[in-house]
Amino acid sequence: MRKLLLLIIIGLFGWEYYATNYGGISPIDTLQSEVIDPIRTKYTRKRNGPYLTDESKFVCDGRQYCSEMTSLEEALFFIKNCPNTDMDGDYDGEPCENDTRLRP
């Protein structure tokens, strides 16, 4: 176990040395761009307090999936304003991409 830990530490120092001296990407930058940023994007969507907006005719009522939506406009409202939705698998802001029922 000690040898593995020592090997990991030496590897990280070597990676940092290479990144600093030869222009590669440091472990900190890699961790930030590959792990932290996607998680932050996934969990920091805009949420409104009582889950009702004045400019919308939709209300957050607990629905989470594309099969429960009646239109693409409704699905967009839900992923932007409602908690615990599961309609945007690749987190690009476009819900129900594979649901032909909601697509023109």
C-alpha atoms as a PDB file:
ATOM      1  CA  MET A   1       0.000   0.000   0.000  1.00  0.00           C
ATOM      2  CA  ARG A   2       2.851   2.375   0.815  1.00  0.00           C
ATOM      3  CA  LYS A   3       4.511   1.653  -2.503  1.00  0.00           C
ATOM      4  CA  LEU A   4       1.311   2.463  -4.388  1.00  0.00           C
ATOM      5  CA  LEU A   5       0.874   5.739  -2.502  1.00  0.00           C
ATOM      6  CA  LEU A   6       4.504   6.644  -3.089  1.00  0.00           C
ATOM      7  CA  LEU A   7       4.146   5.820  -6.792  1.00  0.00           C
ATOM      8  CA  ILE A   8       1.047   8.043  -7.066  1.00  0.00           C
ATOM      9  CA  ILE A   9       2.798  10.945  -5.330  1.00  0.00           C
ATOM     10  CA  ILE A  10       5.866  10.620  -7.564  1.00  0.00           C
ATOM     11  CA  GLY A  11       3.596  10.464 -10.624  1.00  0.00           C
ATOM     12  CA  LEU A  12       1.770  13.647  -9.613  1.00  0.00           C
ATOM     13  CA  PHE A  13       5.023  15.505  -9.006  1.00  0.00           C
ATOM     14  CA  GLY A  14       6.343  14.307 -12.344  1.00  0.00           C
ATOM     15  CA  TRP A  15       3.174  15.411 -14.134  1.00  0.00           C
ATOM     16  CA  GLU A  16       3.326  18.830 -12.443  1.00  0.00           C
ATOM     17  CA  TYR A  17       7.008  19.215 -13.396  1.00  0.00           C
ATOM     18  CA  TYR A  18       6.276  18.302 -17.018  1.00  0.00           C
ATOM     19  CA  ALA A  19       3.281  20.641 -17.182  1.00  0.00           C
ATOM     20  CA  THR A  20       5.223  23.551 -15.715  1.00  0.00           C
ATOM     21  CA  ASN A  21       8.339  23.150 -17.851  1.00  0.00           C
ATOM     22  CA  TYR A  22       6.947  21.880 -21.151  1.00  0.00           C
ATOM     23  CA  GLY A  23       3.535  23.566 -21.364  1.00  0.00           C
ATOM     24  CA  GLY A  24       1.267  20.623 -20.667  1.00  0.00           C
ATOM     25  CA  ILE A  25      -1.906  20.708 -18.586  1.00  0.00           C
ATOM     26  CA  SER A  26      -1.345  20.497 -14.852  1.00  0.00           C
ATOM     27  CA  PRO A  27      -3.244  17.989 -12.688  1.00  0.00           C
ATOM     28  CA  ILE A  28      -5.143  20.853 -11.032  1.00  0.00           C
ATOM     29  CA  ASP A  29      -6.313  22.239 -14.401  1.00  0.00           C
ATOM     30  CA  THR A  30      -7.290  18.758 -15.579  1.00  0.00           C
ATOM     31  CA  LEU A  31      -9.251  18.087 -12.405  1.00  0.00           C
ATOM     32  CA  GLN A  32     -11.001  21.452 -12.742  1.00  0.00           C
ATOM     33  CA  SER A  33     -11.954  21.020 -16.407  1.00  0.00           C
ATOM     34  CA  GLU A  34     -12.771  17.301 -16.436  1.00  0.00           C
ATOM     35  CA  VAL A  35     -14.427  16.751 -13.045  1.00  0.00           C
ATOM     36  CA  ILE A  36     -15.374  19.906 -11.160  1.00  0.00           C
ATOM     37  CA  ASP A  37     -16.813  22.028 -14.010  1.00  0.00           C
ATOM     38  CA  PRO A  38     -19.205  19.329 -15.333  1.00  0.00           C
ATOM     39  CA  ILE A  39     -20.475  18.619 -11.812  1.00  0.00           C
ATOM     40  CA  ARG A  40     -20.894  22.331 -11.093  1.00  0.00           C
ATOM     41  CA  THR A  41     -22.809  22.778 -14.368  1.00  0.00           C
ATOM     42  CA  LYS A  42     -25.084  19.858 -13.582  1.00  0.00           C
ATOM     43  CA  TYR A  43     -26.023  20.995 -10.085  1.00  0.00           C
ATOM     44  CA  THR A  44     -26.180  24.787 -10.442  1.00  0.00           C
ATOM     45  CA  ARG A  45     -29.160  25.180 -12.730  1.00  0.00           C
ATOM     46  CA  LYS A  46     -31.331  28.183 -12.083  1.00  0.00           C
ATOM     47  CA  ARG A  47     -34.190  27.330  -9.754  1.00  0.00           C
ATOM     48  CA  ASN A  48     -37.057  29.629  -8.807  1.00  0.00           C
ATOM     49  CA  GLY A  49     -38.423  29.693  -5.266  1.00  0.00           C
ATOM     50  CA  PRO A  50     -42.060  28.549  -5.366  1.00  0.00           C
ATOM     51  CA  TYR A  51     -41.399  26.961  -8.779  1.00  0.00           C
ATOM     52  CA  LEU A  52     -43.827  29.230 -10.582  1.00  0.00           C
ATOM     53  CA  THR A  53     -42.882  32.088 -12.875  1.00  0.00           C
ATOM     54  CA  ASP A  54     -45.145  34.939 -13.855  1.00  0.00           C
ATOM     55  CA  GLU A  55     -44.244  34.765 -17.539  1.00  0.00           C
ATOM     56  CA  SER A  56     -44.941  31.031 -17.837  1.00  0.00           C
ATOM     57  CA  LYS A  57     -48.078  28.970 -18.078  1.00  0.00           C
ATOM     58  CA  PHE A  58     -46.295  25.928 -16.642  1.00  0.00           C
ATOM     59  CA  VAL A  59     -45.937  24.928 -12.989  1.00  0.00           C
ATOM     60  CA  CYS A  60     -43.392  22.577 -11.412  1.00  0.00           C
ATOM     61  CA  ASP A  61     -45.510  19.673 -10.278  1.00  0.00           C
ATOM     62  CA  GLY A  62     -43.016  16.877  -9.768  1.00  0.00           C
ATOM     63  CA  ARG A  63     -42.816  15.537 -13.319  1.00  0.00           C
ATOM     64  CA  GLN A  64     -39.288  14.526 -14.285  1.00  0.00           C
ATOM     65  CA  TYR A  65     -39.258  12.634 -17.596  1.00  0.00           C
ATOM     66  CA  CYS A  66     -39.866  13.401 -21.279  1.00  0.00           C
ATOM     67  CA  SER A  67     -42.701  10.907 -21.427  1.00  0.00           C
ATOM     68  CA  GLU A  68     -44.615  13.088 -18.951  1.00  0.00           C
ATOM     69  CA  MET A  69     -44.284  16.278 -21.042  1.00  0.00           C
ATOM     70  CA  THR A  70     -46.813  17.496 -23.606  1.00  0.00           C
ATOM     71  CA  SER A  71     -44.547  19.880 -25.548  1.00  0.00           C
ATOM     72  CA  LEU A  72     -40.930  20.839 -26.054  1.00  0.00           C
ATOM     73  CA  GLU A  73     -41.679  24.277 -24.562  1.00  0.00           C
ATOM     74  CA  GLU A  74     -42.910  22.581 -21.391  1.00  0.00           C
ATOM     75  CA  ALA A  75     -39.805  20.388 -21.204  1.00  0.00           C
ATOM     76  CA  LEU A  76     -37.567  23.464 -21.566  1.00  0.00           C
ATOM     77  CA  PHE A  77     -39.423  25.172 -18.718  1.00  0.00           C
ATOM     78  CA  PHE A  78     -39.024  22.119 -16.495  1.00  0.00           C
ATOM     79  CA  ILE A  79     -35.247  21.704 -16.972  1.00  0.00           C
ATOM     80  CA  LYS A  80     -34.644  25.422 -16.395  1.00  0.00           C
ATOM     81  CA  ASN A  81     -36.916  25.954 -13.404  1.00  0.00           C
ATOM     82  CA  CYS A  82     -37.797  22.692 -11.669  1.00  0.00           C
ATOM     83  CA  PRO A  83     -35.683  20.467  -9.404  1.00  0.00           C
ATOM     84  CA  ASN A  84     -34.850  16.798 -10.026  1.00  0.00           C
ATOM     85  CA  THR A  85     -35.593  16.630 -13.744  1.00  0.00           C
ATOM     86  CA  ASP A  86     -34.110  13.845 -15.850  1.00  0.00           C
ATOM     87  CA  MET A  87     -34.686  15.030 -19.420  1.00  0.00           C
ATOM     88  CA  ASP A  88     -31.271  16.313 -20.515  1.00  0.00           C
ATOM     89  CA  GLY A  89     -28.930  13.330 -20.580  1.00  0.00           C
ATOM     90  CA  ASP A  90     -25.908  15.165 -22.013  1.00  0.00           C
ATOM     91  CA  TYR A  91     -26.479  18.415 -20.068  1.00  0.00           C
ATOM     92  CA  ASP A  92     -26.408  20.669 -23.127  1.00  0.00           C
ATOM     93  CA  GLY A  93     -29.642  22.480 -22.200  1.00  0.00           C
ATOM     94  CA  GLU A  94     -31.729  20.753 -24.859  1.00  0.00           C
ATOM     95  CA  PRO A  95     -34.258  18.350 -23.312  1.00  0.00           C
ATOM     96  CA  CYS A  96     -35.802  15.233 -24.841  1.00  0.00           C
ATOM     97  CA  GLU A  97     -33.432  15.051 -27.815  1.00  0.00           C
ATOM     98  CA  ASN A  98     -34.374  11.455 -28.593  1.00  0.00           C
ATOM     99  CA  ASP A  99     -38.128  11.837 -28.033  1.00  0.00           C
ATOM    100  CA  THR A 100     -39.664  12.039 -31.516  1.00  0.00           C
ATOM    101  CA  ARG A 101     -43.084  12.694 -30.009  1.00  0.00           C
ATOM    102  CA  LEU A 102     -41.988  16.205 -28.909  1.00  0.00           C
ATOM    103  CA  ARG A 103     -39.778  16.985 -31.915  1.00  0.00           C
ATOM    104  CA  PRO A 104     -41.227  18.543 -35.113  1.00  0.00           C
END
